Protein backbone atom coordinates (compact mmCIF):
# COMPACT_ATOMS: atom_id res chain seq x y z
CA MET A 1 0.16 -0.02 0.23
CA GLU A 2 1.43 3.61 -0.76
CA ARG A 3 2.46 5.24 2.58
CA GLY A 4 -0.39 7.46 3.59
CA ALA A 5 -3.21 5.65 1.55
CA TYR A 6 -5.68 4.59 3.33
CA PRO A 7 -7.50 1.13 2.83
CA THR A 8 -10.54 0.51 0.10
CA ALA A 9 -13.31 2.16 1.63
CA GLY A 10 -15.68 -0.80 3.55
CA THR A 11 -12.46 -2.84 4.72
CA ASP A 12 -12.22 -0.60 7.83
CA SER A 13 -13.80 1.46 10.28
CA VAL A 14 -15.33 4.84 8.35
CA LEU A 15 -15.32 6.64 11.61
CA ALA A 16 -11.70 6.15 12.32
CA ARG A 17 -10.70 6.63 8.63
CA LEU A 18 -12.58 10.19 9.42
CA ARG A 19 -10.97 10.99 12.60
CA ALA A 20 -7.74 10.42 10.70
CA LYS A 21 -8.43 12.71 7.85
CA LEU A 22 -10.25 15.22 9.75
CA PRO A 23 -6.88 17.20 10.19
CA GLU A 24 -6.90 17.47 6.47
CA PHE A 25 -10.46 19.01 5.83
CA THR A 26 -10.91 22.68 5.56
CA GLY A 27 -14.30 24.98 5.49
CA ALA A 28 -17.27 23.14 4.43
CA LEU A 29 -15.44 19.48 4.65
CA ARG A 30 -14.50 19.63 7.58
CA ARG A 31 -17.73 20.69 9.00
CA VAL A 32 -19.55 17.80 7.37
CA ALA A 33 -16.68 15.39 8.73
CA GLU A 34 -17.49 16.93 12.38
CA GLN A 35 -20.99 16.49 11.85
CA VAL A 36 -20.55 12.67 11.12
CA LEU A 37 -18.57 12.10 13.82
CA THR A 38 -20.08 13.75 16.51
CA ASP A 39 -23.16 12.45 15.44
CA PRO A 40 -22.83 9.10 13.62
CA SER A 41 -26.16 7.27 14.36
CA GLY A 42 -27.87 10.65 13.52
CA ALA A 43 -25.93 10.72 10.25
CA SER A 44 -26.51 7.11 9.23
CA ARG A 45 -30.37 8.27 9.26
CA ALA A 46 -30.07 11.47 7.41
CA THR A 47 -31.17 12.50 3.88
CA ILE A 48 -28.33 14.26 2.31
CA VAL A 49 -30.31 17.33 2.77
CA GLU A 50 -30.25 17.20 6.21
CA LEU A 51 -26.97 16.43 6.69
CA ALA A 52 -26.37 19.60 4.46
CA GLU A 53 -28.35 21.54 6.79
CA ARG A 54 -27.18 20.35 10.15
CA SER A 55 -23.53 20.61 8.85
CA ARG A 56 -24.00 24.04 7.41
CA THR A 57 -23.05 23.34 3.50
CA SER A 58 -24.83 22.02 0.91
CA PRO A 59 -25.52 18.40 -0.68
CA ALA A 60 -23.15 19.31 -3.63
CA THR A 61 -20.44 19.47 -0.91
CA ILE A 62 -21.91 16.45 0.97
CA THR A 63 -21.27 14.51 -2.34
CA ARG A 64 -17.46 15.92 -2.76
CA PHE A 65 -16.72 15.02 0.72
CA CYS A 66 -18.18 11.18 -0.01
CA ARG A 67 -15.51 10.93 -2.46
CA ALA A 68 -13.00 12.43 -0.74
CA VAL A 69 -13.38 9.50 1.84
CA GLY A 70 -13.47 6.63 -0.68
CA PHE A 71 -17.21 6.24 -1.28
CA GLU A 72 -18.84 7.12 -4.81
CA GLY A 73 -22.00 8.80 -3.08
CA TYR A 74 -24.03 9.33 -0.12
CA ALA A 75 -25.98 6.31 -0.26
CA ASP A 76 -23.08 4.32 0.29
CA LEU A 77 -21.33 6.47 2.84
CA ARG A 78 -24.44 6.16 5.12
CA LEU A 79 -24.95 2.36 4.66
CA ALA A 80 -21.22 2.01 5.87
CA ILE A 81 -21.99 4.26 8.76
CA ALA A 82 -25.35 2.47 9.63
CA GLY A 83 -23.42 -1.01 9.41
CA GLU A 84 -20.72 0.29 11.63
CA THR A 85 -23.04 1.86 14.23
CA GLY A 86 -25.27 -1.24 14.54
CA ARG A 87 -22.44 -3.28 14.83
CA ALA A 88 -21.26 -1.27 17.63
CA ALA A 89 -24.79 -1.43 19.45
CA ARG A 90 -25.06 -4.97 18.98
CA SER A 91 -21.41 -5.97 20.05
CA ALA A 92 -22.41 -4.42 23.48
CA GLY A 93 -24.88 -2.30 25.29
CA TRP A 94 -22.71 0.23 26.94
CA VAL A 95 -20.69 0.96 23.50
CA VAL A 96 -23.79 3.17 22.90
CA ASP A 97 -22.33 5.94 25.37
CA ILE A 98 -18.96 6.31 23.15
CA GLY A 99 -18.68 9.97 22.69
CA ARG A 100 -21.17 10.90 25.76
CA GLU A 101 -19.48 13.85 28.28
CA ILE A 102 -18.35 11.83 31.70
CA GLU A 103 -19.95 14.18 34.48
CA PRO A 104 -18.47 15.20 37.74
CA GLY A 105 -21.45 13.14 39.18
CA ASP A 106 -21.28 10.17 37.32
CA PRO A 107 -20.91 6.81 39.44
CA LEU A 108 -17.33 4.98 38.65
CA GLU A 109 -19.27 1.94 37.15
CA ARG A 110 -20.72 4.47 34.63
CA VAL A 111 -17.23 5.57 33.97
CA LEU A 112 -15.48 2.28 33.59
CA GLY A 113 -17.98 1.03 31.26
CA GLN A 114 -17.51 4.26 28.89
CA ILE A 115 -13.78 4.26 29.25
CA MET A 116 -14.24 0.18 28.14
CA ALA A 117 -16.13 1.39 25.33
CA ALA A 118 -13.80 3.71 24.00
CA ASP A 119 -10.72 1.54 24.48
CA THR A 120 -12.37 -1.40 22.97
CA ARG A 121 -13.58 0.55 20.15
CA ALA A 122 -10.00 2.41 19.39
CA MET A 123 -8.26 -1.17 19.52
CA GLN A 124 -10.68 -2.41 17.30
CA ASP A 125 -10.34 0.39 14.95
CA THR A 126 -6.78 0.08 14.99
CA ALA A 127 -6.60 -3.81 14.25
CA ALA A 128 -8.93 -2.83 10.97
CA MET A 129 -6.99 -0.15 9.55
CA THR A 130 -3.60 -1.79 10.97
CA ASP A 131 -1.79 -2.23 7.25
CA LEU A 132 0.33 -5.75 8.12
CA VAL A 133 2.49 -5.12 5.26
CA GLU A 134 3.84 -2.20 6.69
CA VAL A 135 4.14 -4.27 10.05
CA GLU A 136 6.17 -6.99 8.55
CA ARG A 137 8.40 -4.60 6.81
CA ALA A 138 9.08 -2.56 10.18
CA ALA A 139 9.62 -6.17 11.67
CA ASP A 140 12.21 -7.32 9.21
CA ALA A 141 14.55 -3.95 9.51
CA ILE A 142 14.42 -4.41 13.44
CA ALA A 143 15.22 -7.85 13.41
CA ALA A 144 17.97 -7.50 11.13
CA ALA A 145 19.38 -4.00 12.70
CA ASP A 146 22.60 -3.44 14.96
CA ARG A 147 21.05 -1.10 16.74
CA VAL A 148 17.32 0.38 17.15
CA ASP A 149 16.72 4.00 18.63
CA ILE A 150 13.20 4.83 19.56
CA TYR A 151 11.54 8.52 20.04
CA GLY A 152 8.81 10.21 21.68
CA ALA A 153 7.95 12.90 24.14
CA SER A 154 5.54 12.99 27.00
CA GLY A 155 2.73 10.04 26.75
CA SER A 156 4.76 8.90 23.83
CA ALA A 157 8.02 8.55 25.55
CA LEU A 158 6.28 5.84 28.26
CA VAL A 159 4.99 3.85 24.94
CA GLY A 160 8.33 4.15 23.76
CA ALA A 161 9.98 3.00 26.74
CA GLU A 162 7.82 0.03 27.09
CA MET A 163 8.82 -1.17 23.40
CA GLN A 164 12.42 -0.68 24.16
CA PHE A 165 11.91 -2.55 27.37
CA SER A 166 10.28 -5.34 25.52
CA LEU A 167 12.99 -5.39 22.72
CA HIS A 168 15.69 -5.52 25.17
CA ARG A 169 14.34 -8.69 26.84
CA ILE A 170 14.84 -10.44 23.48
CA GLY A 171 18.30 -9.52 22.77
CA ILE A 172 18.04 -6.70 20.27
CA ALA A 173 20.14 -3.89 21.35
CA ALA A 174 17.31 -0.93 21.63
CA TRP A 175 17.28 2.45 23.10
CA SER A 176 14.47 4.85 24.36
CA TRP A 177 15.28 8.67 24.21
CA PRO A 178 12.50 10.72 25.44
CA ASP A 179 15.00 13.68 25.71
CA VAL A 180 15.87 15.38 22.02
CA HIS A 181 19.36 16.76 22.71
CA ASN A 182 20.25 13.12 23.72
CA GLY A 183 17.95 11.48 20.88
CA LEU A 184 19.63 13.50 18.20
CA ALA A 185 22.97 12.97 19.42
CA SER A 186 22.42 9.10 19.08
CA ALA A 187 20.26 9.65 15.92
CA ALA A 188 23.35 11.35 14.36
CA LEU A 189 25.57 8.26 14.99
CA LEU A 190 23.01 5.65 13.33
CA SER A 191 23.80 4.25 9.89
CA ALA A 192 22.55 2.10 7.58
CA GLY A 193 21.50 -1.52 9.48
CA ASP A 194 20.21 0.52 11.78
CA VAL A 195 16.50 1.27 12.69
CA ALA A 196 14.61 4.29 14.28
CA LEU A 197 11.33 4.21 15.73
CA GLY A 198 9.42 7.78 16.10
CA ILE A 199 6.05 7.84 17.98
CA SER A 200 3.50 10.73 18.06
CA HIS A 201 -0.22 10.58 18.07
CA SER A 202 -0.79 13.69 16.20
CA GLY A 203 2.46 13.03 14.09
CA GLN A 204 3.18 16.87 14.64
CA THR A 205 5.62 16.64 17.98
CA ARG A 206 8.88 18.75 16.61
CA GLU A 207 11.29 17.00 18.75
CA THR A 208 10.19 13.66 17.49
CA ILE A 209 10.04 14.70 13.45
CA GLU A 210 13.54 16.32 13.67
CA MET A 211 14.84 12.80 15.69
CA VAL A 212 13.37 10.76 12.96
CA ALA A 213 14.74 13.10 10.38
CA GLU A 214 18.40 12.94 11.28
CA ALA A 215 18.30 9.30 11.85
CA GLY A 216 16.97 8.96 8.27
CA SER A 217 19.87 11.14 6.93
CA ARG A 218 22.48 8.82 8.20
CA GLY A 219 20.91 5.83 6.45
CA ALA A 220 18.67 4.23 9.60
CA ILE A 221 15.69 3.12 8.38
CA THR A 222 12.78 4.99 9.87
CA VAL A 223 9.46 3.82 11.38
CA ALA A 224 6.64 6.26 12.30
CA LEU A 225 3.68 5.17 15.08
CA THR A 226 0.89 7.84 14.83
CA SER A 227 -2.88 8.38 14.15
CA PHE A 228 -2.40 10.28 10.89
CA PRO A 229 -0.73 8.71 8.03
CA ARG A 230 -0.28 12.51 6.21
CA SER A 231 1.38 13.97 9.04
CA PRO A 232 5.13 15.54 9.16
CA LEU A 233 6.08 12.59 10.65
CA ALA A 234 4.84 10.10 8.11
CA ASP A 235 6.52 12.51 5.71
CA VAL A 236 9.95 11.41 7.11
CA ALA A 237 9.73 8.21 7.59
CA ASP A 238 10.30 5.13 5.60
CA VAL A 239 7.44 2.53 7.30
CA VAL A 240 4.41 4.06 8.66
CA LEU A 241 2.18 2.40 11.08
CA THR A 242 -1.25 3.94 12.06
CA THR A 243 -3.74 3.91 15.26
CA ALA A 244 -7.04 5.20 15.61
CA THR A 245 -8.33 6.90 18.94
CA GLN A 246 -11.49 7.16 20.83
CA ALA A 247 -11.11 10.35 22.84
CA THR A 248 -13.53 10.63 26.55
CA THR A 249 -13.80 13.45 28.94
CA PHE A 250 -10.74 13.90 30.83
CA ARG A 251 -8.88 12.12 28.36
CA PRO A 252 -8.02 13.73 25.08
CA ASP A 253 -6.85 11.91 21.90
CA SER A 254 -3.25 11.94 22.70
CA LEU A 255 -4.16 9.81 26.05
CA SER A 256 -6.60 7.74 24.34
CA ALA A 257 -4.11 6.90 22.04
CA ARG A 258 -1.93 4.65 24.23
CA HIS A 259 -3.63 1.32 24.42
CA PRO A 260 -3.93 1.32 20.41
CA GLN A 261 -0.36 2.39 20.20
CA LEU A 262 0.49 -0.21 22.88
CA VAL A 263 -1.38 -2.82 20.35
CA VAL A 264 0.42 -1.77 17.19
CA LEU A 265 3.97 -2.10 19.04
CA ASP A 266 2.93 -5.44 20.70
CA LEU A 267 2.31 -6.79 17.39
CA LEU A 268 5.63 -5.09 16.03
CA TYR A 269 7.45 -6.93 18.74
CA ILE A 270 5.87 -10.41 18.42
CA ALA A 271 6.68 -10.21 14.62
CA VAL A 272 10.17 -9.39 15.63
CA ALA A 273 10.31 -12.39 18.02
CA GLN A 274 9.01 -14.92 15.63
CA ARG A 275 11.86 -13.82 13.08
CA THR A 276 14.92 -13.87 15.95
CA HIS A 277 13.38 -17.07 17.84
CA GLU A 278 16.40 -18.88 18.70
CA ARG A 279 17.71 -15.26 19.83
CA ALA A 280 15.02 -14.42 21.61
CA HIS A 281 14.13 -17.57 23.33
CA ALA A 282 17.81 -17.44 24.71
CA ALA A 283 17.79 -14.34 25.78
CA PHE A 284 14.36 -14.65 27.56
CA GLN A 285 15.99 -17.71 29.66
CA ARG A 286 19.08 -15.60 30.22
CA THR A 287 17.46 -12.43 31.69
CA ALA A 288 15.02 -14.64 33.78
CA GLN A 289 17.74 -16.22 35.64
CA ALA A 290 19.70 -12.79 36.07
CA VAL A 291 16.57 -11.20 38.18
CA ALA A 292 15.51 -14.96 39.16
CA GLY A 293 17.41 -14.14 42.68
CA HIS A 294 15.26 -10.93 43.37
CA ARG A 295 11.71 -12.48 43.51
CA LEU A 296 10.40 -13.78 46.82
CA ARG A 297 10.15 -17.38 47.17
CA GLU A 298 6.79 -18.77 47.46
CA VAL A 299 5.59 -19.47 51.25
CA VAL A 300 4.23 -23.20 51.68
């Protein structure tokens, strides 16, 4: 698949695709996208004239919007949204609360249900839109790499540290750099045969973009993990892995992206372990033995 391209309409989550493309839309097209994302169930029941009125646009704009997201016309888009919202409602009763604001007085049972609904949906959307060919490319590069650098800021740095830990346990020489100065210095020392992985939900974190670009200029294979496949970070990467998000109150997209990011990175990690099975197995045994003496013995 061409970098930055989206799967064919109907093969992935329509709403996830709209969220990913939202930054690309301006003016009338953006108003249509925001209206659909705000009330997908309503959009699935609305006529083209009704949706145009709700988004303060025109039927011609709705048709242009449909083509921009990969559908021939409004009937196809409405059918796809209806199918998606219908499946979600059937899969679990609390899924209908996705997008509902969490109020200060809400009981924790409701809050838990909404968080579970949002995270589950985000991970399902991420799985549907994951390009396995790109994951294979990244895994091949990491398995053969002499060194792997991982870059990220703030919450993305925490996700990067988790990936570094996982790779290190199976014998992959990996480093995580949350600081831009140290990261740039490390990136400058990379060369062909090395891999640099940059993590940013928005794909617009300047520090992460700079570190990935520096690594790429030195000949390293660069990998981006982002929710926006046409972002500046994706533009400087050789391989682009994407995630979907479901924001909730008190957890904006940047925080809600963490679990989908971990899903993709877990998949990538397992793919690397498969390619380095003997080395990974031996490394696991040796590292487990090294720390075994620091675990409390079971009391009989």
